[in-house]
Amino acid sequence: MTGRAAGHGTGHFIGERVSAILLLFLMPWFMVSAALSLDGSYESARAWLASPFTSIGLGLFLLITLYHMRLGVQVIAEDYLSSSGTRRLVLGVNTLITLLAAAVGVFALYQISFGA
């Protein structure tokens, strides 16, 4: 792995750990909130998602989960792909998929929250 500057792994390591810790709080909140608020009907799901507190929490959960996923796939690609061209392709696709999923998820939350 020549050509890489040393010292850039610390920020990546911290990002993984901080996002994992945040998800340790957001995942139980999501599960308990959904279990207590949803009765299986479309109306209850829409009402739950329309709540500002829920929308903000789900937005954070979505974005932090996608960030954590992107970092994890990046580590796998950098550790196990020996061809620099393949590695760059995988890292680029990883970033594009993450950004696309974030945009679609945030847009959907916006549409539901504001009733558009």
N, C-alpha and C. Protein backbone atom coordinates (compact mmCIF):
# COMPACT_ATOMS: atom_id res chain seq x y z
N MET A 1 0.84 -1.18 0.00
CA MET A 1 0.00 0.00 0.00
C MET A 1 0.89 1.25 0.00
N THR A 2 1.63 1.42 -1.01
CA THR A 2 2.53 2.56 -1.09
C THR A 2 1.79 3.80 -1.53
N GLY A 3 2.35 4.93 -1.21
CA GLY A 3 1.78 6.18 -1.66
C GLY A 3 0.76 6.78 -0.71
N ARG A 4 0.50 6.11 0.38
CA ARG A 4 -0.46 6.67 1.34
C ARG A 4 0.28 7.38 2.45
N ALA A 5 -0.29 8.48 2.88
CA ALA A 5 0.33 9.23 3.98
C ALA A 5 -0.05 8.58 5.30
N ALA A 6 0.90 8.53 6.18
CA ALA A 6 0.65 7.96 7.51
C ALA A 6 -0.10 8.97 8.36
N GLY A 7 -0.86 8.47 9.32
CA GLY A 7 -1.54 9.36 10.26
C GLY A 7 -2.98 9.68 9.92
N HIS A 8 -3.50 9.23 8.77
CA HIS A 8 -4.88 9.53 8.42
C HIS A 8 -5.86 8.53 9.01
N GLY A 9 -5.35 7.44 9.55
CA GLY A 9 -6.21 6.41 10.12
C GLY A 9 -6.84 6.79 11.43
N THR A 10 -6.24 7.73 12.15
CA THR A 10 -6.77 8.11 13.46
C THR A 10 -8.15 8.75 13.34
N GLY A 11 -8.32 9.65 12.41
CA GLY A 11 -9.62 10.28 12.21
C GLY A 11 -10.67 9.27 11.80
N HIS A 12 -10.29 8.33 10.96
CA HIS A 12 -11.20 7.28 10.52
C HIS A 12 -11.60 6.41 11.71
N PHE A 13 -10.63 6.04 12.52
CA PHE A 13 -10.87 5.23 13.71
C PHE A 13 -11.83 5.93 14.66
N ILE A 14 -11.59 7.20 14.90
CA ILE A 14 -12.45 7.97 15.81
C ILE A 14 -13.86 8.09 15.22
N GLY A 15 -13.96 8.34 13.93
CA GLY A 15 -15.27 8.42 13.27
C GLY A 15 -16.08 7.14 13.43
N GLU A 16 -15.41 6.00 13.25
CA GLU A 16 -16.10 4.71 13.42
C GLU A 16 -16.60 4.56 14.86
N ARG A 17 -15.75 4.89 15.82
CA ARG A 17 -16.12 4.70 17.22
C ARG A 17 -17.21 5.65 17.66
N VAL A 18 -17.12 6.91 17.27
CA VAL A 18 -18.14 7.89 17.65
C VAL A 18 -19.48 7.53 17.02
N SER A 19 -19.48 7.15 15.75
CA SER A 19 -20.75 6.79 15.10
C SER A 19 -21.32 5.52 15.74
N ALA A 20 -20.48 4.58 16.13
CA ALA A 20 -20.97 3.37 16.79
C ALA A 20 -21.59 3.70 18.15
N ILE A 21 -20.97 4.59 18.90
CA ILE A 21 -21.52 4.98 20.20
C ILE A 21 -22.85 5.70 20.02
N LEU A 22 -22.93 6.59 19.05
CA LEU A 22 -24.20 7.28 18.79
C LEU A 22 -25.30 6.30 18.40
N LEU A 23 -24.94 5.29 17.61
CA LEU A 23 -25.92 4.28 17.21
C LEU A 23 -26.35 3.41 18.38
N LEU A 24 -25.49 3.27 19.40
CA LEU A 24 -25.88 2.53 20.60
C LEU A 24 -27.04 3.21 21.33
N PHE A 25 -27.15 4.53 21.18
CA PHE A 25 -28.27 5.27 21.79
C PHE A 25 -29.46 5.37 20.84
N LEU A 26 -29.18 5.58 19.56
CA LEU A 26 -30.26 5.79 18.61
C LEU A 26 -31.04 4.51 18.29
N MET A 27 -30.37 3.38 18.23
CA MET A 27 -31.05 2.12 17.89
C MET A 27 -32.11 1.74 18.94
N PRO A 28 -31.77 1.74 20.24
CA PRO A 28 -32.83 1.42 21.22
C PRO A 28 -33.95 2.45 21.21
N TRP A 29 -33.61 3.74 21.03
CA TRP A 29 -34.66 4.76 20.95
C TRP A 29 -35.61 4.44 19.80
N PHE A 30 -35.05 4.13 18.63
CA PHE A 30 -35.87 3.82 17.47
C PHE A 30 -36.77 2.62 17.74
N MET A 31 -36.21 1.56 18.28
CA MET A 31 -36.98 0.34 18.51
C MET A 31 -38.09 0.55 19.53
N VAL A 32 -37.78 1.21 20.62
CA VAL A 32 -38.80 1.44 21.67
C VAL A 32 -39.85 2.42 21.16
N SER A 33 -39.41 3.48 20.52
CA SER A 33 -40.36 4.47 20.00
C SER A 33 -41.32 3.85 18.99
N ALA A 34 -40.79 3.06 18.10
CA ALA A 34 -41.63 2.40 17.09
C ALA A 34 -42.57 1.40 17.75
N ALA A 35 -42.07 0.62 18.69
CA ALA A 35 -42.90 -0.39 19.34
C ALA A 35 -44.04 0.24 20.13
N LEU A 36 -43.78 1.37 20.76
CA LEU A 36 -44.82 2.02 21.57
C LEU A 36 -45.78 2.86 20.75
N SER A 37 -45.38 3.28 19.57
CA SER A 37 -46.19 4.22 18.79
C SER A 37 -46.95 3.59 17.64
N LEU A 38 -46.53 2.45 17.18
CA LEU A 38 -47.13 1.87 15.98
C LEU A 38 -48.07 0.73 16.34
N ASP A 39 -49.22 0.72 15.67
CA ASP A 39 -50.18 -0.37 15.88
C ASP A 39 -50.36 -1.22 14.62
N GLY A 40 -49.53 -1.00 13.63
CA GLY A 40 -49.60 -1.78 12.40
C GLY A 40 -50.38 -1.11 11.29
N SER A 41 -50.98 0.02 11.56
CA SER A 41 -51.75 0.70 10.52
C SER A 41 -50.90 1.76 9.83
N TYR A 42 -51.28 2.06 8.62
CA TYR A 42 -50.60 3.09 7.83
C TYR A 42 -50.72 4.45 8.52
N GLU A 43 -51.89 4.73 9.07
CA GLU A 43 -52.14 6.02 9.71
C GLU A 43 -51.24 6.24 10.92
N SER A 44 -51.06 5.19 11.72
CA SER A 44 -50.20 5.35 12.90
C SER A 44 -48.74 5.54 12.48
N ALA A 45 -48.33 4.85 11.45
CA ALA A 45 -46.95 5.00 10.96
C ALA A 45 -46.73 6.42 10.43
N ARG A 46 -47.69 6.91 9.67
CA ARG A 46 -47.56 8.26 9.13
C ARG A 46 -47.58 9.32 10.23
N ALA A 47 -48.45 9.14 11.22
CA ALA A 47 -48.51 10.08 12.34
C ALA A 47 -47.20 10.04 13.14
N TRP A 48 -46.67 8.86 13.35
CA TRP A 48 -45.42 8.72 14.09
C TRP A 48 -44.28 9.41 13.34
N LEU A 49 -44.21 9.18 12.04
CA LEU A 49 -43.15 9.79 11.24
C LEU A 49 -43.33 11.30 11.08
N ALA A 50 -44.55 11.79 11.20
CA ALA A 50 -44.80 13.21 11.03
C ALA A 50 -44.40 14.02 12.26
N SER A 51 -44.19 13.37 13.38
CA SER A 51 -43.76 14.07 14.60
C SER A 51 -42.37 14.66 14.39
N PRO A 52 -42.17 15.93 14.75
CA PRO A 52 -40.84 16.54 14.56
C PRO A 52 -39.75 15.80 15.33
N PHE A 53 -40.03 15.38 16.55
CA PHE A 53 -39.03 14.66 17.34
C PHE A 53 -38.62 13.36 16.65
N THR A 54 -39.62 12.64 16.16
CA THR A 54 -39.34 11.38 15.48
C THR A 54 -38.59 11.62 14.17
N SER A 55 -39.01 12.62 13.42
CA SER A 55 -38.34 12.91 12.14
C SER A 55 -36.88 13.28 12.33
N ILE A 56 -36.60 14.10 13.32
CA ILE A 56 -35.22 14.49 13.59
C ILE A 56 -34.42 13.27 14.04
N GLY A 57 -34.99 12.49 14.95
CA GLY A 57 -34.30 11.29 15.42
C GLY A 57 -34.03 10.29 14.31
N LEU A 58 -35.03 10.07 13.46
CA LEU A 58 -34.84 9.14 12.34
C LEU A 58 -33.85 9.69 11.32
N GLY A 59 -33.87 10.99 11.11
CA GLY A 59 -32.90 11.60 10.21
C GLY A 59 -31.48 11.39 10.72
N LEU A 60 -31.27 11.63 12.01
CA LEU A 60 -29.95 11.39 12.60
C LEU A 60 -29.57 9.92 12.52
N PHE A 61 -30.52 9.05 12.83
CA PHE A 61 -30.27 7.62 12.78
C PHE A 61 -29.87 7.20 11.37
N LEU A 62 -30.59 7.68 10.38
CA LEU A 62 -30.28 7.36 8.98
C LEU A 62 -28.90 7.84 8.59
N LEU A 63 -28.61 9.10 8.85
CA LEU A 63 -27.34 9.68 8.41
C LEU A 63 -26.14 9.07 9.14
N ILE A 64 -26.28 8.84 10.44
CA ILE A 64 -25.17 8.25 11.19
C ILE A 64 -24.97 6.80 10.77
N THR A 65 -26.05 6.07 10.54
CA THR A 65 -25.92 4.69 10.07
C THR A 65 -25.23 4.62 8.72
N LEU A 66 -25.60 5.49 7.80
CA LEU A 66 -24.97 5.50 6.48
C LEU A 66 -23.50 5.90 6.56
N TYR A 67 -23.18 6.85 7.42
CA TYR A 67 -21.79 7.25 7.61
C TYR A 67 -20.98 6.08 8.15
N HIS A 68 -21.52 5.40 9.15
CA HIS A 68 -20.85 4.25 9.75
C HIS A 68 -20.66 3.14 8.71
N MET A 69 -21.69 2.92 7.90
CA MET A 69 -21.59 1.91 6.85
C MET A 69 -20.50 2.26 5.84
N ARG A 70 -20.46 3.52 5.44
CA ARG A 70 -19.46 3.96 4.47
C ARG A 70 -18.05 3.75 5.00
N LEU A 71 -17.83 4.09 6.26
CA LEU A 71 -16.51 3.89 6.86
C LEU A 71 -16.15 2.40 6.91
N GLY A 72 -17.10 1.55 7.25
CA GLY A 72 -16.84 0.12 7.33
C GLY A 72 -16.50 -0.47 5.98
N VAL A 73 -17.25 -0.10 4.95
CA VAL A 73 -16.96 -0.61 3.60
C VAL A 73 -15.61 -0.08 3.12
N GLN A 74 -15.29 1.14 3.49
CA GLN A 74 -13.99 1.72 3.11
C GLN A 74 -12.84 0.91 3.71
N VAL A 75 -12.97 0.52 4.97
CA VAL A 75 -11.93 -0.27 5.62
C VAL A 75 -11.77 -1.62 4.91
N ILE A 76 -12.89 -2.25 4.59
CA ILE A 76 -12.83 -3.54 3.91
C ILE A 76 -12.16 -3.40 2.54
N ALA A 77 -12.55 -2.37 1.79
CA ALA A 77 -11.97 -2.17 0.46
C ALA A 77 -10.47 -1.90 0.55
N GLU A 78 -10.08 -1.05 1.49
CA GLU A 78 -8.67 -0.71 1.61
C GLU A 78 -7.82 -1.89 2.11
N ASP A 79 -8.40 -2.73 2.94
CA ASP A 79 -7.65 -3.85 3.49
C ASP A 79 -7.58 -5.06 2.55
N TYR A 80 -8.61 -5.29 1.75
CA TYR A 80 -8.69 -6.54 1.01
C TYR A 80 -8.62 -6.43 -0.50
N LEU A 81 -8.65 -5.23 -1.05
CA LEU A 81 -8.54 -5.07 -2.50
C LEU A 81 -7.13 -4.62 -2.84
N SER A 82 -6.40 -5.44 -3.55
CA SER A 82 -5.00 -5.12 -3.83
C SER A 82 -4.84 -4.22 -5.05
N SER A 83 -5.75 -4.30 -6.01
CA SER A 83 -5.67 -3.47 -7.20
C SER A 83 -6.16 -2.06 -6.88
N SER A 84 -5.32 -1.06 -7.14
CA SER A 84 -5.71 0.31 -6.80
C SER A 84 -6.89 0.79 -7.64
N GLY A 85 -6.98 0.32 -8.88
CA GLY A 85 -8.12 0.71 -9.73
C GLY A 85 -9.43 0.16 -9.20
N THR A 86 -9.43 -1.10 -8.83
CA THR A 86 -10.64 -1.71 -8.25
C THR A 86 -11.00 -1.05 -6.94
N ARG A 87 -9.99 -0.80 -6.12
CA ARG A 87 -10.22 -0.16 -4.82
C ARG A 87 -10.85 1.22 -5.01
N ARG A 88 -10.31 2.00 -5.94
CA ARG A 88 -10.89 3.33 -6.19
C ARG A 88 -12.32 3.24 -6.70
N LEU A 89 -12.59 2.27 -7.56
CA LEU A 89 -13.94 2.08 -8.07
C LEU A 89 -14.91 1.73 -6.93
N VAL A 90 -14.51 0.78 -6.10
CA VAL A 90 -15.36 0.38 -4.98
C VAL A 90 -15.59 1.55 -4.02
N LEU A 91 -14.55 2.30 -3.72
CA LEU A 91 -14.70 3.45 -2.82
C LEU A 91 -15.59 4.52 -3.43
N GLY A 92 -15.48 4.74 -4.72
CA GLY A 92 -16.35 5.72 -5.38
C GLY A 92 -17.80 5.28 -5.38
N VAL A 93 -18.04 4.01 -5.70
CA VAL A 93 -19.41 3.48 -5.70
C VAL A 93 -19.97 3.51 -4.28
N ASN A 94 -19.14 3.18 -3.30
CA ASN A 94 -19.56 3.23 -1.90
C ASN A 94 -20.02 4.63 -1.52
N THR A 95 -19.26 5.64 -1.90
CA THR A 95 -19.63 7.02 -1.60
C THR A 95 -20.90 7.42 -2.33
N LEU A 96 -21.03 7.06 -3.60
CA LEU A 96 -22.23 7.42 -4.36
C LEU A 96 -23.48 6.76 -3.78
N ILE A 97 -23.39 5.48 -3.44
CA ILE A 97 -24.55 4.79 -2.87
C ILE A 97 -24.93 5.41 -1.53
N THR A 98 -23.93 5.74 -0.72
CA THR A 98 -24.21 6.36 0.57
C THR A 98 -24.89 7.71 0.39
N LEU A 99 -24.38 8.53 -0.50
CA LEU A 99 -24.99 9.85 -0.74
C LEU A 99 -26.40 9.72 -1.31
N LEU A 100 -26.59 8.78 -2.23
CA LEU A 100 -27.91 8.58 -2.81
C LEU A 100 -28.91 8.11 -1.75
N ALA A 101 -28.51 7.16 -0.93
CA ALA A 101 -29.39 6.68 0.13
C ALA A 101 -29.72 7.78 1.13
N ALA A 102 -28.74 8.61 1.46
CA ALA A 102 -28.98 9.73 2.38
C ALA A 102 -29.96 10.74 1.77
N ALA A 103 -29.76 11.07 0.51
CA ALA A 103 -30.64 12.03 -0.15
C ALA A 103 -32.08 11.51 -0.23
N VAL A 104 -32.23 10.25 -0.62
CA VAL A 104 -33.57 9.67 -0.73
C VAL A 104 -34.23 9.59 0.65
N GLY A 105 -33.48 9.15 1.65
CA GLY A 105 -34.04 9.03 3.00
C GLY A 105 -34.45 10.36 3.60
N VAL A 106 -33.59 11.36 3.48
CA VAL A 106 -33.91 12.68 4.01
C VAL A 106 -35.09 13.29 3.25
N PHE A 107 -35.13 13.11 1.94
CA PHE A 107 -36.25 13.63 1.16
C PHE A 107 -37.56 12.96 1.58
N ALA A 108 -37.54 11.65 1.79
CA ALA A 108 -38.75 10.94 2.21
C ALA A 108 -39.21 11.43 3.58
N LEU A 109 -38.27 11.61 4.51
CA LEU A 109 -38.65 12.13 5.83
C LEU A 109 -39.24 13.53 5.72
N TYR A 110 -38.64 14.35 4.85
CA TYR A 110 -39.14 15.71 4.64
C TYR A 110 -40.57 15.66 4.09
N GLN A 111 -40.80 14.81 3.10
CA GLN A 111 -42.13 14.71 2.49
C GLN A 111 -43.16 14.28 3.54
N ILE A 112 -42.83 13.31 4.36
CA ILE A 112 -43.77 12.83 5.35
C ILE A 112 -43.98 13.86 6.45
N SER A 113 -42.90 14.48 6.92
CA SER A 113 -42.99 15.44 8.03
C SER A 113 -43.80 16.67 7.66
N PHE A 114 -43.65 17.15 6.45
CA PHE A 114 -44.32 18.37 6.06
C PHE A 114 -45.57 18.10 5.22
N GLY A 115 -45.94 16.85 5.08
CA GLY A 115 -47.18 16.50 4.41
C GLY A 115 -47.25 16.89 2.96
N ALA A 116 -46.12 16.98 2.32
CA ALA A 116 -46.12 17.40 0.90
C ALA A 116 -46.60 16.30 0.00
